Amino acid sequence: MNNNRFKQSLPLLVFFVVFSAITLTVFYQLLSVDKRLKVYSPSDVNPRLVDASVKHIQNNHTIANFSLINQHGDTITNATYKDKIYIADFFFTRCKTICIAMAYNMSELQSYYKNDADIMFLSHSVTPVIDSVSVLKAYAENKGIIDGKWHVTTGAKKHIYELARKSYFAVLDEGTGDENDFIHTEQFVLVDKERRIRGYYDGTEKEDMQKIIADIALLKEEYKRK
């Protein structure tokens, strides 16, 4: 009698086991999807930050090719950051307002990741005529910038302006890159190994630095799953 009851209940038991396994798998997959960082495109950010020529792009946005000069007079390109996760910002050495906090927080992140070869930093001067190689070198020494880890760069202003407006979306203006129309923001921009934007952060806020660290951990987990 008991044996018959067991045989009758066995299919139901198997059903519940299989259903539970499927449910747990789907739940885990949903959690994994939720943990992926957003991939940003021009349509996702404040239109004032975006050049009109790229506002229509809704996906597959990547950082454009660039060629800049760092604090040692070396040419820095996308190849310098190949297969790296990096944090980018826009600044100028004479800035006495938001740049002070931004530089401090970036240096703190540099210290946190100093032994992590996957993570690098890239700063663009918005006053490249003033911020010559010698000025950038003195600035780098003053801020404790680690060679090969964090590049502070100068270059043609039009080129830097286009990067800010068409790639990183970090400049609040609608000008053409002239001396008086280049207003940078406090944003730190997180870029992944495929040159995609994965996060924006207030470079003056300590809380956002913790968010960057947490988001980089998620991003690294994403690469581990590939």
C-alpha atoms as a PDB file:
ATOM      1  CA  MET A   1       0.000   0.000   0.000  1.00  0.00           C
ATOM      2  CA  ASN A   2       2.766   2.421   1.011  1.00  0.00           C
ATOM      3  CA  ASN A   3       4.746   1.369  -2.039  1.00  0.00           C
ATOM      4  CA  ASN A   4       1.823   2.213  -4.310  1.00  0.00           C
ATOM      5  CA  ARG A   5       1.449   5.643  -2.706  1.00  0.00           C
ATOM      6  CA  PHE A   6       5.152   6.302  -3.253  1.00  0.00           C
ATOM      7  CA  LYS A   7       4.855   5.308  -6.918  1.00  0.00           C
ATOM      8  CA  GLN A   8       1.861   7.615  -7.331  1.00  0.00           C
ATOM      9  CA  SER A   9       3.622  10.562  -5.691  1.00  0.00           C
ATOM     10  CA  LEU A  10       6.945  10.023  -7.492  1.00  0.00           C
ATOM     11  CA  PRO A  11       5.967  11.873 -10.738  1.00  0.00           C
ATOM     12  CA  LEU A  12       4.745  14.804  -8.643  1.00  0.00           C
ATOM     13  CA  LEU A  13       7.995  14.830  -6.692  1.00  0.00           C
ATOM     14  CA  VAL A  14      10.043  14.743  -9.904  1.00  0.00           C
ATOM     15  CA  PHE A  15       7.950  17.609 -11.285  1.00  0.00           C
ATOM     16  CA  PHE A  16       8.617  19.766  -8.226  1.00  0.00           C
ATOM     17  CA  VAL A  17      12.348  19.019  -8.310  1.00  0.00           C
ATOM     18  CA  VAL A  18      12.612  19.882 -12.009  1.00  0.00           C
ATOM     19  CA  PHE A  19      10.419  22.986 -11.589  1.00  0.00           C
ATOM     20  CA  SER A  20      12.507  24.174  -8.645  1.00  0.00           C
ATOM     21  CA  ALA A  21      15.746  23.678 -10.592  1.00  0.00           C
ATOM     22  CA  ILE A  22      14.392  25.652 -13.566  1.00  0.00           C
ATOM     23  CA  THR A  23      13.094  28.411 -11.288  1.00  0.00           C
ATOM     24  CA  LEU A  24      16.444  28.738  -9.508  1.00  0.00           C
ATOM     25  CA  THR A  25      18.290  28.852 -12.840  1.00  0.00           C
ATOM     26  CA  VAL A  26      16.006  31.559 -14.229  1.00  0.00           C
ATOM     27  CA  PHE A  27      16.269  33.519 -10.955  1.00  0.00           C
ATOM     28  CA  TYR A  28      20.066  33.327 -11.061  1.00  0.00           C
ATOM     29  CA  GLN A  29      20.108  34.476 -14.689  1.00  0.00           C
ATOM     30  CA  LEU A  30      17.861  37.417 -13.844  1.00  0.00           C
ATOM     31  CA  LEU A  31      20.178  38.369 -11.007  1.00  0.00           C
ATOM     32  CA  SER A  32      23.150  38.133 -13.359  1.00  0.00           C
ATOM     33  CA  VAL A  33      21.437  40.389 -15.884  1.00  0.00           C
ATOM     34  CA  ASP A  34      20.601  42.908 -13.149  1.00  0.00           C
ATOM     35  CA  LYS A  35      24.244  43.011 -12.123  1.00  0.00           C
ATOM     36  CA  ARG A  36      25.431  44.071 -15.572  1.00  0.00           C
ATOM     37  CA  LEU A  37      26.302  47.729 -15.844  1.00  0.00           C
ATOM     38  CA  LYS A  38      24.383  49.838 -18.324  1.00  0.00           C
ATOM     39  CA  VAL A  39      26.030  50.605 -21.660  1.00  0.00           C
ATOM     40  CA  TYR A  40      25.545  54.329 -22.324  1.00  0.00           C
ATOM     41  CA  SER A  41      24.753  55.915 -25.665  1.00  0.00           C
ATOM     42  CA  PRO A  42      24.208  59.576 -26.622  1.00  0.00           C
ATOM     43  CA  SER A  43      20.441  59.214 -26.235  1.00  0.00           C
ATOM     44  CA  ASP A  44      20.899  58.246 -22.565  1.00  0.00           C
ATOM     45  CA  VAL A  45      22.534  61.453 -21.347  1.00  0.00           C
ATOM     46  CA  ASN A  46      21.716  65.141 -20.998  1.00  0.00           C
ATOM     47  CA  PRO A  47      21.277  66.474 -24.570  1.00  0.00           C
ATOM     48  CA  ARG A  48      23.279  69.589 -23.644  1.00  0.00           C
ATOM     49  CA  LEU A  49      26.331  67.364 -23.252  1.00  0.00           C
ATOM     50  CA  VAL A  50      25.984  65.799 -26.688  1.00  0.00           C
ATOM     51  CA  ASP A  51      27.037  67.098 -30.092  1.00  0.00           C
ATOM     52  CA  ALA A  52      24.067  67.344 -32.460  1.00  0.00           C
ATOM     53  CA  SER A  53      25.716  64.984 -34.944  1.00  0.00           C
ATOM     54  CA  VAL A  54      25.520  61.993 -32.565  1.00  0.00           C
ATOM     55  CA  LYS A  55      22.319  62.668 -30.574  1.00  0.00           C
ATOM     56  CA  HIS A  56      20.391  60.138 -32.660  1.00  0.00           C
ATOM     57  CA  ILE A  57      22.649  57.185 -31.722  1.00  0.00           C
ATOM     58  CA  GLN A  58      20.802  54.792 -29.408  1.00  0.00           C
ATOM     59  CA  ASN A  59      23.261  51.914 -29.151  1.00  0.00           C
ATOM     60  CA  ASN A  60      26.730  50.663 -30.093  1.00  0.00           C
ATOM     61  CA  HIS A  61      28.386  53.916 -29.066  1.00  0.00           C
ATOM     62  CA  THR A  62      32.139  53.707 -28.462  1.00  0.00           C
ATOM     63  CA  ILE A  63      34.906  56.190 -27.686  1.00  0.00           C
ATOM     64  CA  ALA A  64      36.376  57.518 -30.933  1.00  0.00           C
ATOM     65  CA  ASN A  65      40.033  57.119 -31.922  1.00  0.00           C
ATOM     66  CA  PHE A  66      42.221  59.699 -30.236  1.00  0.00           C
ATOM     67  CA  SER A  67      45.806  60.911 -30.264  1.00  0.00           C
ATOM     68  CA  LEU A  68      46.996  63.039 -27.341  1.00  0.00           C
ATOM     69  CA  ILE A  69      50.276  64.019 -25.657  1.00  0.00           C
ATOM     70  CA  ASN A  70      50.914  63.100 -22.030  1.00  0.00           C
ATOM     71  CA  GLN A  71      53.001  64.626 -19.238  1.00  0.00           C
ATOM     72  CA  HIS A  72      56.191  63.148 -20.684  1.00  0.00           C
ATOM     73  CA  GLY A  73      55.580  64.253 -24.259  1.00  0.00           C
ATOM     74  CA  ASP A  74      54.593  60.717 -25.291  1.00  0.00           C
ATOM     75  CA  THR A  75      51.762  60.093 -27.748  1.00  0.00           C
ATOM     76  CA  ILE A  76      48.749  58.460 -26.092  1.00  0.00           C
ATOM     77  CA  THR A  77      46.153  56.686 -28.252  1.00  0.00           C
ATOM     78  CA  ASN A  78      43.405  54.104 -27.913  1.00  0.00           C
ATOM     79  CA  ALA A  79      46.121  51.477 -28.189  1.00  0.00           C
ATOM     80  CA  THR A  80      47.523  52.705 -24.859  1.00  0.00           C
ATOM     81  CA  TYR A  81      44.241  51.617 -23.272  1.00  0.00           C
ATOM     82  CA  LYS A  82      43.713  48.447 -25.281  1.00  0.00           C
ATOM     83  CA  ASP A  83      42.046  45.737 -23.141  1.00  0.00           C
ATOM     84  CA  LYS A  84      41.919  48.098 -20.159  1.00  0.00           C
ATOM     85  CA  ILE A  85      39.110  49.495 -18.040  1.00  0.00           C
ATOM     86  CA  TYR A  86      39.712  53.193 -17.496  1.00  0.00           C
ATOM     87  CA  ILE A  87      38.288  56.282 -15.854  1.00  0.00           C
ATOM     88  CA  ALA A  88      38.377  59.511 -17.876  1.00  0.00           C
ATOM     89  CA  ASP A  89      37.799  63.128 -16.946  1.00  0.00           C
ATOM     90  CA  PHE A  90      38.293  66.688 -18.231  1.00  0.00           C
ATOM     91  CA  PHE A  91      40.194  69.293 -16.216  1.00  0.00           C
ATOM     92  CA  PHE A  92      42.724  72.124 -16.374  1.00  0.00           C
ATOM     93  CA  THR A  93      45.744  72.654 -14.158  1.00  0.00           C
ATOM     94  CA  ARG A  94      44.850  76.226 -13.118  1.00  0.00           C
ATOM     95  CA  CYS A  95      41.343  75.283 -11.996  1.00  0.00           C
ATOM     96  CA  LYS A  96      40.728  76.362  -8.391  1.00  0.00           C
ATOM     97  CA  THR A  97      37.208  74.972  -7.990  1.00  0.00           C
ATOM     98  CA  ILE A  98      35.920  71.473  -8.825  1.00  0.00           C
ATOM     99  CA  CYS A  99      39.257  70.279 -10.243  1.00  0.00           C
ATOM    100  CA  ILE A 100      40.843  70.241  -6.774  1.00  0.00           C
ATOM    101  CA  ALA A 101      38.370  67.680  -5.438  1.00  0.00           C
ATOM    102  CA  MET A 102      38.404  65.781  -8.732  1.00  0.00           C
ATOM    103  CA  ALA A 103      42.195  65.447  -8.707  1.00  0.00           C
ATOM    104  CA  TYR A 104      42.166  64.310  -5.086  1.00  0.00           C
ATOM    105  CA  ASN A 105      39.492  61.674  -5.706  1.00  0.00           C
ATOM    106  CA  MET A 106      41.197  60.438  -8.869  1.00  0.00           C
ATOM    107  CA  SER A 107      44.460  60.086  -6.960  1.00  0.00           C
ATOM    108  CA  GLU A 108      42.630  58.095  -4.286  1.00  0.00           C
ATOM    109  CA  LEU A 109      41.284  55.756  -6.961  1.00  0.00           C
ATOM    110  CA  GLN A 110      44.780  55.484  -8.423  1.00  0.00           C
ATOM    111  CA  SER A 111      46.079  54.387  -5.015  1.00  0.00           C
ATOM    112  CA  TYR A 112      43.263  51.860  -4.679  1.00  0.00           C
ATOM    113  CA  TYR A 113      44.032  50.309  -8.070  1.00  0.00           C
ATOM    114  CA  LYS A 114      47.785  50.859  -8.170  1.00  0.00           C
ATOM    115  CA  ASN A 115      48.478  47.105  -8.292  1.00  0.00           C
ATOM    116  CA  ASP A 116      45.612  46.283 -10.649  1.00  0.00           C
ATOM    117  CA  ALA A 117      46.955  46.229 -14.202  1.00  0.00           C
ATOM    118  CA  ASP A 118      43.417  46.175 -15.640  1.00  0.00           C
ATOM    119  CA  ILE A 119      42.603  49.700 -14.433  1.00  0.00           C
ATOM    120  CA  MET A 120      43.985  52.945 -15.855  1.00  0.00           C
ATOM    121  CA  PHE A 121      43.157  56.675 -15.813  1.00  0.00           C
ATOM    122  CA  LEU A 122      42.988  59.382 -18.484  1.00  0.00           C
ATOM    123  CA  SER A 123      42.652  63.140 -17.937  1.00  0.00           C
ATOM    124  CA  HIS A 124      42.140  65.628 -20.773  1.00  0.00           C
ATOM    125  CA  SER A 125      43.125  69.270 -20.380  1.00  0.00           C
ATOM    126  CA  VAL A 126      40.445  71.664 -21.627  1.00  0.00           C
ATOM    127  CA  THR A 127      43.064  74.438 -21.843  1.00  0.00           C
ATOM    128  CA  PRO A 128      45.727  72.604 -23.863  1.00  0.00           C
ATOM    129  CA  VAL A 129      47.487  75.784 -24.985  1.00  0.00           C
ATOM    130  CA  ILE A 130      48.186  76.679 -21.347  1.00  0.00           C
ATOM    131  CA  ASP A 131      48.690  73.108 -20.181  1.00  0.00           C
ATOM    132  CA  SER A 132      51.883  72.333 -22.067  1.00  0.00           C
ATOM    133  CA  VAL A 133      53.901  69.170 -21.515  1.00  0.00           C
ATOM    134  CA  SER A 134      56.107  70.891 -18.931  1.00  0.00           C
ATOM    135  CA  VAL A 135      53.064  72.209 -17.045  1.00  0.00           C
ATOM    136  CA  LEU A 136      51.438  68.777 -17.089  1.00  0.00           C
ATOM    137  CA  LYS A 137      54.655  67.161 -15.874  1.00  0.00           C
ATOM    138  CA  ALA A 138      54.843  69.505 -12.882  1.00  0.00           C
ATOM    139  CA  TYR A 139      51.154  68.881 -12.211  1.00  0.00           C
ATOM    140  CA  ALA A 140      51.656  65.105 -12.394  1.00  0.00           C
ATOM    141  CA  GLU A 141      54.562  65.237  -9.969  1.00  0.00           C
ATOM    142  CA  ASN A 142      52.557  67.386  -7.565  1.00  0.00           C
ATOM    143  CA  LYS A 143      49.595  64.995  -7.648  1.00  0.00           C
ATOM    144  CA  GLY A 144      51.663  61.832  -7.319  1.00  0.00           C
ATOM    145  CA  ILE A 145      50.580  60.507 -10.687  1.00  0.00           C
ATOM    146  CA  ILE A 146      52.018  57.068 -11.463  1.00  0.00           C
ATOM    147  CA  ASP A 147      53.685  56.842 -14.878  1.00  0.00           C
ATOM    148  CA  GLY A 148      51.890  54.419 -17.159  1.00  0.00           C
ATOM    149  CA  LYS A 149      48.881  54.278 -14.839  1.00  0.00           C
ATOM    150  CA  TRP A 150      47.422  57.739 -15.223  1.00  0.00           C
ATOM    151  CA  HIS A 151      48.029  59.932 -18.262  1.00  0.00           C
ATOM    152  CA  VAL A 152      47.260  63.655 -18.055  1.00  0.00           C
ATOM    153  CA  THR A 153      47.066  64.910 -21.602  1.00  0.00           C
ATOM    154  CA  THR A 154      47.107  67.892 -23.903  1.00  0.00           C
ATOM    155  CA  GLY A 155      46.567  68.151 -27.651  1.00  0.00           C
ATOM    156  CA  ALA A 156      44.676  70.052 -30.305  1.00  0.00           C
ATOM    157  CA  LYS A 157      41.749  71.799 -28.638  1.00  0.00           C
ATOM    158  CA  LYS A 158      39.356  70.907 -31.472  1.00  0.00           C
ATOM    159  CA  HIS A 159      40.273  67.256 -31.042  1.00  0.00           C
ATOM    160  CA  ILE A 160      39.757  67.330 -27.268  1.00  0.00           C
ATOM    161  CA  TYR A 161      36.494  69.216 -27.741  1.00  0.00           C
ATOM    162  CA  GLU A 162      35.211  66.564 -30.170  1.00  0.00           C
ATOM    163  CA  LEU A 163      36.141  63.807 -27.743  1.00  0.00           C
ATOM    164  CA  ALA A 164      34.278  65.616 -24.960  1.00  0.00           C
ATOM    165  CA  ARG A 165      31.160  66.277 -27.049  1.00  0.00           C
ATOM    166  CA  LYS A 166      31.006  63.222 -29.316  1.00  0.00           C
ATOM    167  CA  SER A 167      32.590  60.488 -27.227  1.00  0.00           C
ATOM    168  CA  TYR A 168      32.510  61.141 -23.466  1.00  0.00           C
ATOM    169  CA  PHE A 169      29.645  63.683 -23.192  1.00  0.00           C
ATOM    170  CA  ALA A 170      31.371  65.693 -20.489  1.00  0.00           C
ATOM    171  CA  VAL A 171      31.177  69.324 -21.656  1.00  0.00           C
ATOM    172  CA  LEU A 172      28.220  71.642 -21.001  1.00  0.00           C
ATOM    173  CA  ASP A 173      28.239  73.915 -24.016  1.00  0.00           C
ATOM    174  CA  GLU A 174      27.163  74.164 -27.609  1.00  0.00           C
ATOM    175  CA  GLY A 175      30.169  76.034 -28.974  1.00  0.00           C
ATOM    176  CA  THR A 176      32.967  75.001 -31.285  1.00  0.00           C
ATOM    177  CA  GLY A 177      35.830  74.529 -28.868  1.00  0.00           C
ATOM    178  CA  ASP A 178      37.080  78.106 -28.820  1.00  0.00           C
ATOM    179  CA  GLU A 179      38.891  79.439 -25.740  1.00  0.00           C
ATOM    180  CA  ASN A 180      35.746  80.897 -24.185  1.00  0.00           C
ATOM    181  CA  ASP A 181      33.165  78.164 -24.782  1.00  0.00           C
ATOM    182  CA  PHE A 182      34.682  75.056 -23.260  1.00  0.00           C
ATOM    183  CA  ILE A 183      33.028  74.385 -19.897  1.00  0.00           C
ATOM    184  CA  HIS A 184      33.902  71.000 -18.449  1.00  0.00           C
ATOM    185  CA  THR A 185      31.857  69.108 -15.885  1.00  0.00           C
ATOM    186  CA  GLU A 186      32.819  67.243 -12.721  1.00  0.00           C
ATOM    187  CA  GLN A 187      32.051  63.889 -14.316  1.00  0.00           C
ATOM    188  CA  PHE A 188      34.263  60.830 -14.146  1.00  0.00           C
ATOM    189  CA  VAL A 189      33.477  58.481 -17.024  1.00  0.00           C
ATOM    190  CA  LEU A 190      33.951  54.717 -16.707  1.00  0.00           C
ATOM    191  CA  VAL A 191      35.008  53.082 -19.991  1.00  0.00           C
ATOM    192  CA  ASP A 192      35.202  49.328 -20.538  1.00  0.00           C
ATOM    193  CA  LYS A 193      37.617  47.222 -22.599  1.00  0.00           C
ATOM    194  CA  GLU A 194      35.425  47.621 -25.689  1.00  0.00           C
ATOM    195  CA  ARG A 195      35.611  51.434 -25.407  1.00  0.00           C
ATOM    196  CA  ARG A 196      31.972  51.664 -24.246  1.00  0.00           C
ATOM    197  CA  ILE A 197      30.781  54.032 -21.527  1.00  0.00           C
ATOM    198  CA  ARG A 198      29.553  52.073 -18.490  1.00  0.00           C
ATOM    199  CA  GLY A 199      29.032  54.782 -15.890  1.00  0.00           C
ATOM    200  CA  TYR A 200      29.040  58.469 -14.945  1.00  0.00           C
ATOM    201  CA  TYR A 201      30.049  59.739 -11.510  1.00  0.00           C
ATOM    202  CA  ASP A 202      30.406  63.051  -9.720  1.00  0.00           C
ATOM    203  CA  GLY A 203      34.166  63.398  -9.397  1.00  0.00           C
ATOM    204  CA  THR A 204      33.799  65.738  -6.432  1.00  0.00           C
ATOM    205  CA  GLU A 205      31.778  63.342  -4.267  1.00  0.00           C
ATOM    206  CA  LYS A 206      33.324  60.673  -2.002  1.00  0.00           C
ATOM    207  CA  GLU A 207      30.165  58.555  -2.189  1.00  0.00           C
ATOM    208  CA  ASP A 208      30.517  58.325  -5.958  1.00  0.00           C
ATOM    209  CA  MET A 209      34.063  57.017  -5.597  1.00  0.00           C
ATOM    210  CA  GLN A 210      32.686  54.073  -3.653  1.00  0.00           C
ATOM    211  CA  LYS A 211      30.140  53.568  -6.426  1.00  0.00           C
ATOM    212  CA  ILE A 212      32.916  53.514  -9.035  1.00  0.00           C
ATOM    213  CA  ILE A 213      34.758  50.856  -7.051  1.00  0.00           C
ATOM    214  CA  ALA A 214      31.579  48.772  -6.750  1.00  0.00           C
ATOM    215  CA  ASP A 215      30.790  49.196 -10.455  1.00  0.00           C
ATOM    216  CA  ILE A 216      34.310  48.232 -11.512  1.00  0.00           C
ATOM    217  CA  ALA A 217      33.945  45.069  -9.428  1.00  0.00           C
ATOM    218  CA  LEU A 218      30.721  44.266 -11.307  1.00  0.00           C
ATOM    219  CA  LEU A 219      32.394  45.005 -14.630  1.00  0.00           C
ATOM    220  CA  LYS A 220      35.299  42.703 -13.825  1.00  0.00           C
ATOM    221  CA  GLU A 221      32.839  39.955 -12.890  1.00  0.00           C
ATOM    222  CA  GLU A 222      31.149  40.494 -16.240  1.00  0.00           C
ATOM    223  CA  TYR A 223      34.452  39.825 -18.000  1.00  0.00           C
ATOM    224  CA  LYS A 224      35.048  36.730 -15.908  1.00  0.00           C
ATOM    225  CA  ARG A 225      31.740  35.279 -17.129  1.00  0.00           C
ATOM    226  CA  LYS A 226      32.670  35.732 -20.786  1.00  0.00           C
END
